[in-house]
Amino acid sequence: MADQDENQRLADEKKRLAKARRRARRNVQENTRRHNLRQGFERLSALIPGAEGQAAAERVVIRHAVDFIHAAGGAGGGRQGATGAPAAVVFLFAIVTLWRDESRRRLMN
C-alpha cells in the first residue's frame, strides 16, 4: 500500500513538472515572438518619416506608414486594392500580417 502511494505521488510530481516545463517553454517562445515583432516595428518606424525614433505602439507605426503611403500619392500609381484602399496600403498590411504569422509559426515549431 505504501509503495502504491509513493508511486502515485512520484507520478503526480512528474506530471506537474512536465506541465511546468511546457508552460515555461511556451512563455519563452511567446516572449521571443513579441520581442521579434517589436524589433520589426522599430525597424519599420525608423524607415517612415515622422515615426522614426518613436517607441510607438504597433498601430501607431502602421498608421504612420499608411499616412506616408497616402502622402506619397498612394504608391503603385494610385491603383486600388479589392477593398478600395491604395494598393500599397493593402500590400503593407499583407506583409505585416504574413511576417507576424511566420514569426509565430517559427516559434511554435
PDB file of N, CA and C in Angstrom:
ATOM      1  N   MET A   1       0.826  -1.194   0.000  1.00  0.00           N
ATOM      2  CA  MET A   1       0.000   0.000   0.000  1.00  0.00           C
ATOM      3  C   MET A   1       0.868   1.253   0.000  1.00  0.00           C
ATOM      4  N   ALA A   2       1.897   1.270   0.821  1.00  0.00           N
ATOM      5  CA  ALA A   2       2.787   2.429   0.888  1.00  0.00           C
ATOM      6  C   ALA A   2       3.533   2.613  -0.423  1.00  0.00           C
ATOM      7  N   ASP A   3       3.899   1.479  -1.065  1.00  0.00           N
ATOM      8  CA  ASP A   3       4.598   1.568  -2.347  1.00  0.00           C
ATOM      9  C   ASP A   3       3.692   2.171  -3.419  1.00  0.00           C
ATOM     10  N   GLN A   4       2.409   1.792  -3.411  1.00  0.00           N
ATOM     11  CA  GLN A   4       1.465   2.347  -4.386  1.00  0.00           C
ATOM     12  C   GLN A   4       1.297   3.849  -4.181  1.00  0.00           C
ATOM     13  N   ASP A   5       1.174   4.265  -2.932  1.00  0.00           N
ATOM     14  CA  ASP A   5       1.031   5.692  -2.627  1.00  0.00           C
ATOM     15  C   ASP A   5       2.267   6.464  -3.079  1.00  0.00           C
ATOM     16  N   GLU A   6       3.429   5.896  -2.819  1.00  0.00           N
ATOM     17  CA  GLU A   6       4.687   6.542  -3.214  1.00  0.00           C
ATOM     18  C   GLU A   6       4.791   6.624  -4.740  1.00  0.00           C
ATOM     19  N   ASN A   7       4.428   5.540  -5.422  1.00  0.00           N
ATOM     20  CA  ASN A   7       4.462   5.535  -6.884  1.00  0.00           C
ATOM     21  C   ASN A   7       3.498   6.568  -7.463  1.00  0.00           C
ATOM     22  N   GLN A   8       2.310   6.659  -6.879  1.00  0.00           N
ATOM     23  CA  GLN A   8       1.324   7.641  -7.343  1.00  0.00           C
ATOM     24  C   GLN A   8       1.833   9.062  -7.107  1.00  0.00           C
ATOM     25  N   ARG A   9       2.430   9.281  -5.949  1.00  0.00           N
ATOM     26  CA  ARG A   9       2.967  10.605  -5.629  1.00  0.00           C
ATOM     27  C   ARG A   9       4.064  10.994  -6.619  1.00  0.00           C
ATOM     28  N   LEU A  10       4.944  10.049  -6.937  1.00  0.00           N
ATOM     29  CA  LEU A  10       6.021  10.309  -7.897  1.00  0.00           C
ATOM     30  C   LEU A  10       5.463  10.579  -9.298  1.00  0.00           C
ATOM     31  N   ALA A  11       4.453   9.824  -9.687  1.00  0.00           N
ATOM     32  CA  ALA A  11       3.832  10.025 -10.999  1.00  0.00           C
ATOM     33  C   ALA A  11       3.171  11.402 -11.076  1.00  0.00           C
ATOM     34  N   ASP A  12       2.477  11.790 -10.007  1.00  0.00           N
ATOM     35  CA  ASP A  12       1.837  13.108  -9.970  1.00  0.00           C
ATOM     36  C   ASP A  12       2.872  14.227 -10.036  1.00  0.00           C
ATOM     37  N   GLU A  13       3.967  14.044  -9.322  1.00  0.00           N
ATOM     38  CA  GLU A  13       5.039  15.047  -9.320  1.00  0.00           C
ATOM     39  C   GLU A  13       5.670  15.167 -10.709  1.00  0.00           C
ATOM     40  N   LYS A  14       5.853  14.028 -11.374  1.00  0.00           N
ATOM     41  CA  LYS A  14       6.431  14.024 -12.718  1.00  0.00           C
ATOM     42  C   LYS A  14       5.517  14.776 -13.694  1.00  0.00           C
ATOM     43  N   LYS A  15       4.203  14.549 -13.599  1.00  0.00           N
ATOM     44  CA  LYS A  15       3.243  15.247 -14.459  1.00  0.00           C
ATOM     45  C   LYS A  15       3.268  16.750 -14.196  1.00  0.00           C
ATOM     46  N   ARG A  16       3.327  17.111 -12.916  1.00  0.00           N
ATOM     47  CA  ARG A  16       3.337  18.528 -12.544  1.00  0.00           C
ATOM     48  C   ARG A  16       4.576  19.221 -13.101  1.00  0.00           C
ATOM     49  N   LEU A  17       5.731  18.567 -12.992  1.00  0.00           N
ATOM     50  CA  LEU A  17       6.975  19.144 -13.500  1.00  0.00           C
ATOM     51  C   LEU A  17       6.955  19.255 -15.027  1.00  0.00           C
ATOM     52  N   ALA A  18       6.408  18.247 -15.697  1.00  0.00           N
ATOM     53  CA  ALA A  18       6.325  18.282 -17.160  1.00  0.00           C
ATOM     54  C   ALA A  18       5.433  19.443 -17.605  1.00  0.00           C
ATOM     55  N   LYS A  19       4.327  19.631 -16.911  1.00  0.00           N
ATOM     56  CA  LYS A  19       3.415  20.726 -17.242  1.00  0.00           C
ATOM     57  C   LYS A  19       4.095  22.079 -17.010  1.00  0.00           C
ATOM     58  N   ALA A  20       4.831  22.191 -15.918  1.00  0.00           N
ATOM     59  CA  ALA A  20       5.541  23.442 -15.619  1.00  0.00           C
ATOM     60  C   ALA A  20       6.613  23.730 -16.666  1.00  0.00           C
ATOM     61  N   ARG A  21       7.320  22.693 -17.120  1.00  0.00           N
ATOM     62  CA  ARG A  21       8.346  22.877 -18.161  1.00  0.00           C
ATOM     63  C   ARG A  21       7.713  23.327 -19.477  1.00  0.00           C
ATOM     64  N   ARG A  22       6.583  22.708 -19.840  1.00  0.00           N
ATOM     65  CA  ARG A  22       5.889  23.105 -21.073  1.00  0.00           C
ATOM     66  C   ARG A  22       5.444  24.567 -20.997  1.00  0.00           C
ATOM     67  N   ARG A  23       4.883  24.944 -19.869  1.00  0.00           N
ATOM     68  CA  ARG A  23       4.419  26.321 -19.688  1.00  0.00           C
ATOM     69  C   ARG A  23       5.599  27.293 -19.771  1.00  0.00           C
ATOM     70  N   ALA A  24       6.714  26.952 -19.127  1.00  0.00           N
ATOM     71  CA  ALA A  24       7.901  27.816 -19.168  1.00  0.00           C
ATOM     72  C   ALA A  24       8.435  27.941 -20.593  1.00  0.00           C
ATOM     73  N   ARG A  25       8.475  26.826 -21.326  1.00  0.00           N
ATOM     74  CA  ARG A  25       8.959  26.853 -22.711  1.00  0.00           C
ATOM     75  C   ARG A  25       8.047  27.723 -23.576  1.00  0.00           C
ATOM     76  N   ARG A  26       6.753  27.590 -23.404  1.00  0.00           N
ATOM     77  CA  ARG A  26       5.807  28.406 -24.180  1.00  0.00           C
ATOM     78  C   ARG A  26       5.926  29.886 -23.823  1.00  0.00           C
ATOM     79  N   ASN A  27       6.178  30.171 -22.546  1.00  0.00           N
ATOM     80  CA  ASN A  27       6.369  31.568 -22.146  1.00  0.00           C
ATOM     81  C   ASN A  27       7.596  32.167 -22.823  1.00  0.00           C
ATOM     82  N   VAL A  28       8.678  31.400 -22.876  1.00  0.00           N
ATOM     83  CA  VAL A  28       9.894  31.868 -23.545  1.00  0.00           C
ATOM     84  C   VAL A  28       9.617  32.082 -25.029  1.00  0.00           C
ATOM     85  N   GLN A  29       8.920  31.143 -25.660  1.00  0.00           N
ATOM     86  CA  GLN A  29       8.594  31.277 -27.081  1.00  0.00           C
ATOM     87  C   GLN A  29       7.749  32.520 -27.338  1.00  0.00           C
ATOM     88  N   GLU A  30       6.766  32.751 -26.503  1.00  0.00           N
ATOM     89  CA  GLU A  30       5.899  33.915 -26.679  1.00  0.00           C
ATOM     90  C   GLU A  30       6.682  35.207 -26.469  1.00  0.00           C
ATOM     91  N   ASN A  31       7.547  35.236 -25.463  1.00  0.00           N
ATOM     92  CA  ASN A  31       8.358  36.432 -25.234  1.00  0.00           C
ATOM     93  C   ASN A  31       9.297  36.697 -26.410  1.00  0.00           C
ATOM     94  N   THR A  32       9.869  35.642 -26.977  1.00  0.00           N
ATOM     95  CA  THR A  32      10.740  35.787 -28.144  1.00  0.00           C
ATOM     96  C   THR A  32       9.944  36.305 -29.332  1.00  0.00           C
ATOM     97  N   ARG A  33       8.752  35.767 -29.544  1.00  0.00           N
ATOM     98  CA  ARG A  33       7.897  36.219 -30.645  1.00  0.00           C
ATOM     99  C   ARG A  33       7.575  37.702 -30.496  1.00  0.00           C
ATOM    100  N   ARG A  34       7.197  38.107 -29.297  1.00  0.00           N
ATOM    101  CA  ARG A  34       6.873  39.515 -29.056  1.00  0.00           C
ATOM    102  C   ARG A  34       8.092  40.409 -29.276  1.00  0.00           C
ATOM    103  N   HIS A  35       9.247  39.952 -28.809  1.00  0.00           N
ATOM    104  CA  HIS A  35      10.486  40.717 -28.983  1.00  0.00           C
ATOM    105  C   HIS A  35      10.792  40.904 -30.473  1.00  0.00           C
ATOM    106  N   ASN A  36      10.696  39.824 -31.249  1.00  0.00           N
ATOM    107  CA  ASN A  36      10.967  39.901 -32.687  1.00  0.00           C
ATOM    108  C   ASN A  36       9.976  40.821 -33.394  1.00  0.00           C
ATOM    109  N   LEU A  37       8.724  40.723 -33.018  1.00  0.00           N
ATOM    110  CA  LEU A  37       7.701  41.582 -33.606  1.00  0.00           C
ATOM    111  C   LEU A  37       7.987  43.044 -33.277  1.00  0.00           C
ATOM    112  N   ARG A  38       8.337  43.298 -32.035  1.00  0.00           N
ATOM    113  CA  ARG A  38       8.645  44.667 -31.597  1.00  0.00           C
ATOM    114  C   ARG A  38       9.841  45.224 -32.375  1.00  0.00           C
ATOM    115  N   GLN A  39      10.881  44.403 -32.543  1.00  0.00           N
ATOM    116  CA  GLN A  39      12.055  44.847 -33.303  1.00  0.00           C
ATOM    117  C   GLN A  39      11.677  45.184 -34.744  1.00  0.00           C
ATOM    118  N   GLY A  40      10.828  44.378 -35.332  1.00  0.00           N
ATOM    119  CA  GLY A  40      10.386  44.643 -36.698  1.00  0.00           C
ATOM    120  C   GLY A  40       9.650  45.965 -36.803  1.00  0.00           C
ATOM    121  N   PHE A  41       8.794  46.249 -35.835  1.00  0.00           N
ATOM    122  CA  PHE A  41       8.078  47.519 -35.859  1.00  0.00           C
ATOM    123  C   PHE A  41       9.023  48.690 -35.603  1.00  0.00           C
ATOM    124  N   GLU A  42      10.049  48.476 -34.783  1.00  0.00           N
ATOM    125  CA  GLU A  42      11.041  49.532 -34.575  1.00  0.00           C
ATOM    126  C   GLU A  42      11.806  49.814 -35.865  1.00  0.00           C
ATOM    127  N   ARG A  43      12.148  48.755 -36.614  1.00  0.00           N
ATOM    128  CA  ARG A  43      12.828  48.946 -37.902  1.00  0.00           C
ATOM    129  C   ARG A  43      11.915  49.664 -38.889  1.00  0.00           C
ATOM    130  N   LEU A  44      10.641  49.268 -38.927  1.00  0.00           N
ATOM    131  CA  LEU A  44       9.681  49.934 -39.805  1.00  0.00           C
ATOM    132  C   LEU A  44       9.546  51.395 -39.413  1.00  0.00           C
ATOM    133  N   SER A  45       9.456  51.659 -38.130  1.00  0.00           N
ATOM    134  CA  SER A  45       9.327  53.023 -37.635  1.00  0.00           C
ATOM    135  C   SER A  45      10.527  53.877 -38.038  1.00  0.00           C
ATOM    136  N   ALA A  46      11.721  53.283 -38.077  1.00  0.00           N
ATOM    137  CA  ALA A  46      12.925  54.024 -38.465  1.00  0.00           C
ATOM    138  C   ALA A  46      12.900  54.410 -39.943  1.00  0.00           C
ATOM    139  N   LEU A  47      12.142  53.691 -40.751  1.00  0.00           N
ATOM    140  CA  LEU A  47      12.090  53.954 -42.189  1.00  0.00           C
ATOM    141  C   LEU A  47      11.038  54.983 -42.579  1.00  0.00           C
ATOM    142  N   ILE A  48      10.132  55.296 -41.666  1.00  0.00           N
ATOM    143  CA  ILE A  48       8.986  56.137 -42.012  1.00  0.00           C
ATOM    144  C   ILE A  48       9.169  57.537 -41.441  1.00  0.00           C
ATOM    145  N   PRO A  49       9.165  58.558 -42.305  1.00  0.00           N
ATOM    146  CA  PRO A  49       9.283  59.934 -41.816  1.00  0.00           C
ATOM    147  C   PRO A  49       8.171  60.248 -40.818  1.00  0.00           C
ATOM    148  N   GLY A  50       8.544  60.851 -39.715  1.00  0.00           N
ATOM    149  CA  GLY A  50       7.576  61.215 -38.686  1.00  0.00           C
ATOM    150  C   GLY A  50       7.405  60.147 -37.625  1.00  0.00           C
ATOM    151  N   ALA A  51       7.867  58.942 -37.887  1.00  0.00           N
ATOM    152  CA  ALA A  51       7.727  57.861 -36.904  1.00  0.00           C
ATOM    153  C   ALA A  51       9.085  57.427 -36.369  1.00  0.00           C
ATOM    154  N   GLU A  52      10.171  57.911 -36.991  1.00  0.00           N
ATOM    155  CA  GLU A  52      11.490  57.450 -36.600  1.00  0.00           C
ATOM    156  C   GLU A  52      11.803  57.820 -35.149  1.00  0.00           C
ATOM    157  N   GLY A  53      12.412  56.878 -34.463  1.00  0.00           N
ATOM    158  CA  GLY A  53      12.835  57.097 -33.086  1.00  0.00           C
ATOM    159  C   GLY A  53      11.720  57.038 -32.059  1.00  0.00           C
ATOM    160  N   GLN A  54      10.513  56.813 -32.476  1.00  0.00           N
ATOM    161  CA  GLN A  54       9.410  56.739 -31.520  1.00  0.00           C
ATOM    162  C   GLN A  54       9.256  55.313 -31.029  1.00  0.00           C
ATOM    163  N   ALA A  55       9.059  55.175 -29.754  1.00  0.00           N
ATOM    164  CA  ALA A  55       8.737  53.863 -29.197  1.00  0.00           C
ATOM    165  C   ALA A  55       7.212  53.769 -29.188  1.00  0.00           C
ATOM    166  N   ALA A  56       6.643  53.750 -30.376  1.00  0.00           N
ATOM    167  CA  ALA A  56       5.192  53.822 -30.529  1.00  0.00           C
ATOM    168  C   ALA A  56       4.573  52.434 -30.555  1.00  0.00           C
ATOM    169  N   ALA A  57       3.308  52.413 -30.271  1.00  0.00           N
ATOM    170  CA  ALA A  57       2.558  51.166 -30.379  1.00  0.00           C
ATOM    171  C   ALA A  57       2.522  50.746 -31.846  1.00  0.00           C
ATOM    172  N   GLU A  58       2.357  49.462 -32.076  1.00  0.00           N
ATOM    173  CA  GLU A  58       2.346  48.927 -33.438  1.00  0.00           C
ATOM    174  C   GLU A  58       1.310  49.633 -34.303  1.00  0.00           C
ATOM    175  N   ARG A  59       0.157  49.875 -33.770  1.00  0.00           N
ATOM    176  CA  ARG A  59      -0.889  50.511 -34.566  1.00  0.00           C
ATOM    177  C   ARG A  59      -0.487  51.926 -34.957  1.00  0.00           C
ATOM    178  N   VAL A  60       0.278  52.613 -34.096  1.00  0.00           N
ATOM    179  CA  VAL A  60       0.739  53.966 -34.415  1.00  0.00           C
ATOM    180  C   VAL A  60       1.749  53.914 -35.555  1.00  0.00           C
ATOM    181  N   VAL A  61       2.660  52.933 -35.508  1.00  0.00           N
ATOM    182  CA  VAL A  61       3.652  52.779 -36.573  1.00  0.00           C
ATOM    183  C   VAL A  61       2.946  52.479 -37.890  1.00  0.00           C
ATOM    184  N   ILE A  62       1.975  51.578 -37.866  1.00  0.00           N
ATOM    185  CA  ILE A  62       1.238  51.252 -39.090  1.00  0.00           C
ATOM    186  C   ILE A  62       0.470  52.479 -39.583  1.00  0.00           C
ATOM    187  N   ARG A  63      -0.110  53.233 -38.662  1.00  0.00           N
ATOM    188  CA  ARG A  63      -0.832  54.456 -39.056  1.00  0.00           C
ATOM    189  C   ARG A  63       0.121  55.433 -39.751  1.00  0.00           C
ATOM    190  N   HIS A  64       1.322  55.613 -39.191  1.00  0.00           N
ATOM    191  CA  HIS A  64       2.325  56.481 -39.828  1.00  0.00           C
ATOM    192  C   HIS A  64       2.683  55.943 -41.216  1.00  0.00           C
ATOM    193  N   ALA A  65       2.833  54.627 -41.326  1.00  0.00           N
ATOM    194  CA  ALA A  65       3.177  54.021 -42.620  1.00  0.00           C
ATOM    195  C   ALA A  65       2.071  54.275 -43.634  1.00  0.00           C
ATOM    196  N   VAL A  66       0.827  54.099 -43.222  1.00  0.00           N
ATOM    197  CA  VAL A  66      -0.311  54.336 -44.118  1.00  0.00           C
ATOM    198  C   VAL A  66      -0.364  55.809 -44.514  1.00  0.00           C
ATOM    199  N   ASP A  67      -0.173  56.711 -43.545  1.00  0.00           N
ATOM    200  CA  ASP A  67      -0.174  58.148 -43.853  1.00  0.00           C
ATOM    201  C   ASP A  67       0.945  58.494 -44.832  1.00  0.00           C
ATOM    202  N   PHE A  68       2.109  57.892 -44.615  1.00  0.00           N
ATOM    203  CA  PHE A  68       3.250  58.137 -45.503  1.00  0.00           C
ATOM    204  C   PHE A  68       2.932  57.672 -46.920  1.00  0.00           C
ATOM    205  N   ILE A  69       2.334  56.503 -47.038  1.00  0.00           N
ATOM    206  CA  ILE A  69       1.981  55.977 -48.363  1.00  0.00           C
ATOM    207  C   ILE A  69       0.940  56.879 -49.024  1.00  0.00           C
ATOM    208  N   HIS A  70      -0.053  57.315 -48.258  1.00  0.00           N
ATOM    209  CA  HIS A  70      -1.071  58.221 -48.818  1.00  0.00           C
ATOM    210  C   HIS A  70      -0.428  59.536 -49.263  1.00  0.00           C
ATOM    211  N   ALA A  71       0.468  60.080 -48.451  1.00  0.00           N
ATOM    212  CA  ALA A  71       1.132  61.349 -48.780  1.00  0.00           C
ATOM    213  C   ALA A  71       2.001  61.210 -50.022  1.00  0.00           C
ATOM    214  N   ALA A  72       2.523  60.010 -50.238  1.00  0.00           N
ATOM    215  CA  ALA A  72       3.368  59.770 -51.403  1.00  0.00           C
ATOM    216  C   ALA A  72       2.524  59.494 -52.645  1.00  0.00           C
ATOM    217  N   GLY A  73       1.252  59.704 -52.553  1.00  0.00           N
ATOM    218  CA  GLY A  73       0.381  59.505 -53.709  1.00  0.00           C
ATOM    219  C   GLY A  73      -0.179  58.107 -53.778  1.00  0.00           C
ATOM    220  N   GLY A  74      -0.152  57.394 -52.680  1.00  0.00           N
ATOM    221  CA  GLY A  74      -0.729  56.060 -52.647  1.00  0.00           C
ATOM    222  C   GLY A  74       0.170  55.010 -53.240  1.00  0.00           C
ATOM    223  N   ALA A  75       1.306  55.410 -53.776  1.00  0.00           N
ATOM    224  CA  ALA A  75       2.248  54.487 -54.413  1.00  0.00           C
ATOM    225  C   ALA A  75       1.514  53.576 -55.376  1.00  0.00           C
ATOM    226  N   GLY A  76       2.208  52.804 -56.127  1.00  0.00           N
ATOM    227  CA  GLY A  76       1.580  51.879 -57.061  1.00  0.00           C
ATOM    228  C   GLY A  76       0.730  52.581 -58.107  1.00  0.00           C
ATOM    229  N   GLY A  77       1.024  53.861 -58.389  1.00  0.00           N
ATOM    230  CA  GLY A  77       0.281  54.561 -59.428  1.00  0.00           C
ATOM    231  C   GLY A  77      -1.175  54.804 -59.079  1.00  0.00           C
ATOM    232  N   GLY A  78      -1.511  54.794 -57.797  1.00  0.00           N
ATOM    233  CA  GLY A  78      -2.879  55.053 -57.395  1.00  0.00           C
ATOM    234  C   GLY A  78      -3.809  53.874 -57.580  1.00  0.00           C
ATOM    235  N   ARG A  79      -3.258  52.716 -57.903  1.00  0.00           N
ATOM    236  CA  ARG A  79      -4.111  51.528 -58.067  1.00  0.00           C
ATOM    237  C   ARG A  79      -4.812  51.213 -56.756  1.00  0.00           C
ATOM    238  N   GLN A  80      -5.999  50.698 -56.876  1.00  0.00           N
ATOM    239  CA  GLN A  80      -6.790  50.361 -55.702  1.00  0.00           C
ATOM    240  C   GLN A  80      -6.829  48.853 -55.504  1.00  0.00           C
ATOM    241  N   GLY A  81      -6.796  48.446 -54.234  1.00  0.00           N
ATOM    242  CA  GLY A  81      -6.951  47.036 -53.919  1.00  0.00           C
ATOM    243  C   GLY A  81      -8.428  46.672 -53.924  1.00  0.00           C
ATOM    244  N   ALA A  82      -8.730  45.426 -53.634  1.00  0.00           N
ATOM    245  CA  ALA A  82     -10.115  44.952 -53.636  1.00  0.00           C
ATOM    246  C   ALA A  82     -10.959  45.692 -52.609  1.00  0.00           C
ATOM    247  N   THR A  83     -10.318  46.219 -51.555  1.00  0.00           N
ATOM    248  CA  THR A  83     -11.056  46.920 -50.506  1.00  0.00           C
ATOM    249  C   THR A  83     -11.256  48.390 -50.823  1.00  0.00           C
ATOM    250  N   GLY A  84     -10.657  48.862 -51.929  1.00  0.00           N
ATOM    251  CA  GLY A  84     -10.733  50.277 -52.260  1.00  0.00           C
ATOM    252  C   GLY A  84      -9.572  51.067 -51.686  1.00  0.00           C
ATOM    253  N   ALA A  85      -8.740  50.432 -50.876  1.00  0.00           N
ATOM    254  CA  ALA A  85      -7.562  51.093 -50.313  1.00  0.00           C
ATOM    255  C   ALA A  85      -6.466  51.117 -51.369  1.00  0.00           C
ATOM    256  N   PRO A  86      -5.565  52.097 -51.303  1.00  0.00           N
ATOM    257  CA  PRO A  86      -4.447  52.092 -52.247  1.00  0.00           C
ATOM    258  C   PRO A  86      -3.703  50.762 -52.187  1.00  0.00           C
ATOM    259  N   ALA A  87      -3.232  50.323 -53.324  1.00  0.00           N
ATOM    260  CA  ALA A  87      -2.561  49.022 -53.413  1.00  0.00           C
ATOM    261  C   ALA A  87      -1.391  48.925 -52.449  1.00  0.00           C
ATOM    262  N   ALA A  88      -0.657  50.028 -52.251  1.00  0.00           N
ATOM    263  CA  ALA A  88       0.499  49.992 -51.351  1.00  0.00           C
ATOM    264  C   ALA A  88       0.075  49.735 -49.909  1.00  0.00           C
ATOM    265  N   VAL A  89      -1.077  50.272 -49.510  1.00  0.00           N
ATOM    266  CA  VAL A  89      -1.568  50.047 -48.146  1.00  0.00           C
ATOM    267  C   VAL A  89      -1.953  48.586 -47.974  1.00  0.00           C
ATOM    268  N   VAL A  90      -2.636  48.041 -48.960  1.00  0.00           N
ATOM    269  CA  VAL A  90      -3.016  46.627 -48.917  1.00  0.00           C
ATOM    270  C   VAL A  90      -1.760  45.765 -48.858  1.00  0.00           C
ATOM    271  N   PHE A  91      -0.765  46.124 -49.660  1.00  0.00           N
ATOM    272  CA  PHE A  91       0.494  45.379 -49.683  1.00  0.00           C
ATOM    273  C   PHE A  91       1.181  45.453 -48.322  1.00  0.00           C
ATOM    274  N   LEU A  92       1.267  46.650 -47.740  1.00  0.00           N
ATOM    275  CA  LEU A  92       1.902  46.811 -46.429  1.00  0.00           C
ATOM    276  C   LEU A  92       1.194  45.958 -45.384  1.00  0.00           C
ATOM    277  N   PHE A  93      -0.128  45.996 -45.377  1.00  0.00           N
ATOM    278  CA  PHE A  93      -0.887  45.203 -44.415  1.00  0.00           C
ATOM    279  C   PHE A  93      -0.611  43.715 -44.603  1.00  0.00           C
ATOM    280  N   ALA A  94      -0.572  43.269 -45.854  1.00  0.00           N
ATOM    281  CA  ALA A  94      -0.306  41.853 -46.138  1.00  0.00           C
ATOM    282  C   ALA A  94       1.081  41.455 -45.664  1.00  0.00           C
ATOM    283  N   ILE A  95       2.073  42.302 -45.903  1.00  0.00           N
ATOM    284  CA  ILE A  95       3.445  41.996 -45.478  1.00  0.00           C
ATOM    285  C   ILE A  95       3.525  41.893 -43.962  1.00  0.00           C
ATOM    286  N   VAL A  96       2.948  42.863 -43.255  1.00  0.00           N
ATOM    287  CA  VAL A  96       2.992  42.846 -41.788  1.00  0.00           C
ATOM    288  C   VAL A  96       2.285  41.609 -41.251  1.00  0.00           C
ATOM    289  N   THR A  97       1.139  41.270 -41.818  1.00  0.00           N
ATOM    290  CA  THR A  97       0.381  40.099 -41.366  1.00  0.00           C
ATOM    291  C   THR A  97       1.153  38.814 -41.618  1.00  0.00           C
ATOM    292  N   LEU A  98       1.710  38.666 -42.819  1.00  0.00           N
ATOM    293  CA  LEU A  98       2.489  37.464 -43.130  1.00  0.00           C
ATOM    294  C   LEU A  98       3.715  37.353 -42.243  1.00  0.00           C
ATOM    295  N   TRP A  99       4.378  38.463 -42.011  1.00  0.00           N
ATOM    296  CA  TRP A  99       5.578  38.467 -41.177  1.00  0.00           C
ATOM    297  C   TRP A  99       5.238  38.051 -39.748  1.00  0.00           C
ATOM    298  N   ARG A 100       4.130  38.591 -39.225  1.00  0.00           N
ATOM    299  CA  ARG A 100       3.704  38.242 -37.866  1.00  0.00           C
ATOM    300  C   ARG A 100       3.357  36.756 -37.778  1.00  0.00           C
ATOM    301  N   ASP A 101       2.617  36.252 -38.762  1.00  0.00           N
ATOM    302  CA  ASP A 101       2.224  34.844 -38.755  1.00  0.00           C
ATOM    303  C   ASP A 101       3.430  33.925 -38.903  1.00  0.00           C
ATOM    304  N   GLU A 102       4.383  34.303 -39.759  1.00  0.00           N
ATOM    305  CA  GLU A 102       5.596  33.497 -39.940  1.00  0.00           C
ATOM    306  C   GLU A 102       6.411  33.476 -38.654  1.00  0.00           C
ATOM    307  N   SER A 103       6.491  34.615 -37.994  1.00  0.00           N
ATOM    308  CA  SER A 103       7.216  34.695 -36.728  1.00  0.00           C
ATOM    309  C   SER A 103       6.585  33.755 -35.703  1.00  0.00           C
ATOM    310  N   ARG A 104       5.273  33.768 -35.628  1.00  0.00           N
ATOM    311  CA  ARG A 104       4.558  32.906 -34.682  1.00  0.00           C
ATOM    312  C   ARG A 104       4.748  31.428 -35.042  1.00  0.00           C
ATOM    313  N   ARG A 105       4.678  31.097 -36.349  1.00  0.00           N
ATOM    314  CA  ARG A 105       4.820  29.711 -36.788  1.00  0.00           C
ATOM    315  C   ARG A 105       6.208  29.170 -36.444  1.00  0.00           C
ATOM    316  N   ARG A 106       7.258  29.973 -36.690  1.00  0.00           N
ATOM    317  CA  ARG A 106       8.618  29.522 -36.393  1.00  0.00           C
ATOM    318  C   ARG A 106       8.794  29.235 -34.912  1.00  0.00           C
ATOM    319  N   LEU A 107       8.189  30.036 -34.063  1.00  0.00           N
ATOM    320  CA  LEU A 107       8.352  29.844 -32.626  1.00  0.00           C
ATOM    321  C   LEU A 107       7.591  28.634 -32.109  1.00  0.00           C
ATOM    322  N   MET A 108       6.514  28.286 -32.755  1.00  0.00           N
ATOM    323  CA  MET A 108       5.708  27.164 -32.283  1.00  0.00           C
ATOM    324  C   MET A 108       6.257  25.819 -32.736  1.00  0.00           C
ATOM    325  N   ASN A 109       7.208  25.812 -33.646  1.00  0.00           N
ATOM    326  CA  ASN A 109       7.796  24.544 -34.116  1.00  0.00           C
ATOM    327  C   ASN A 109       9.013  24.186 -33.327  1.00  0.00           C
TER     328      ASN A 109
END
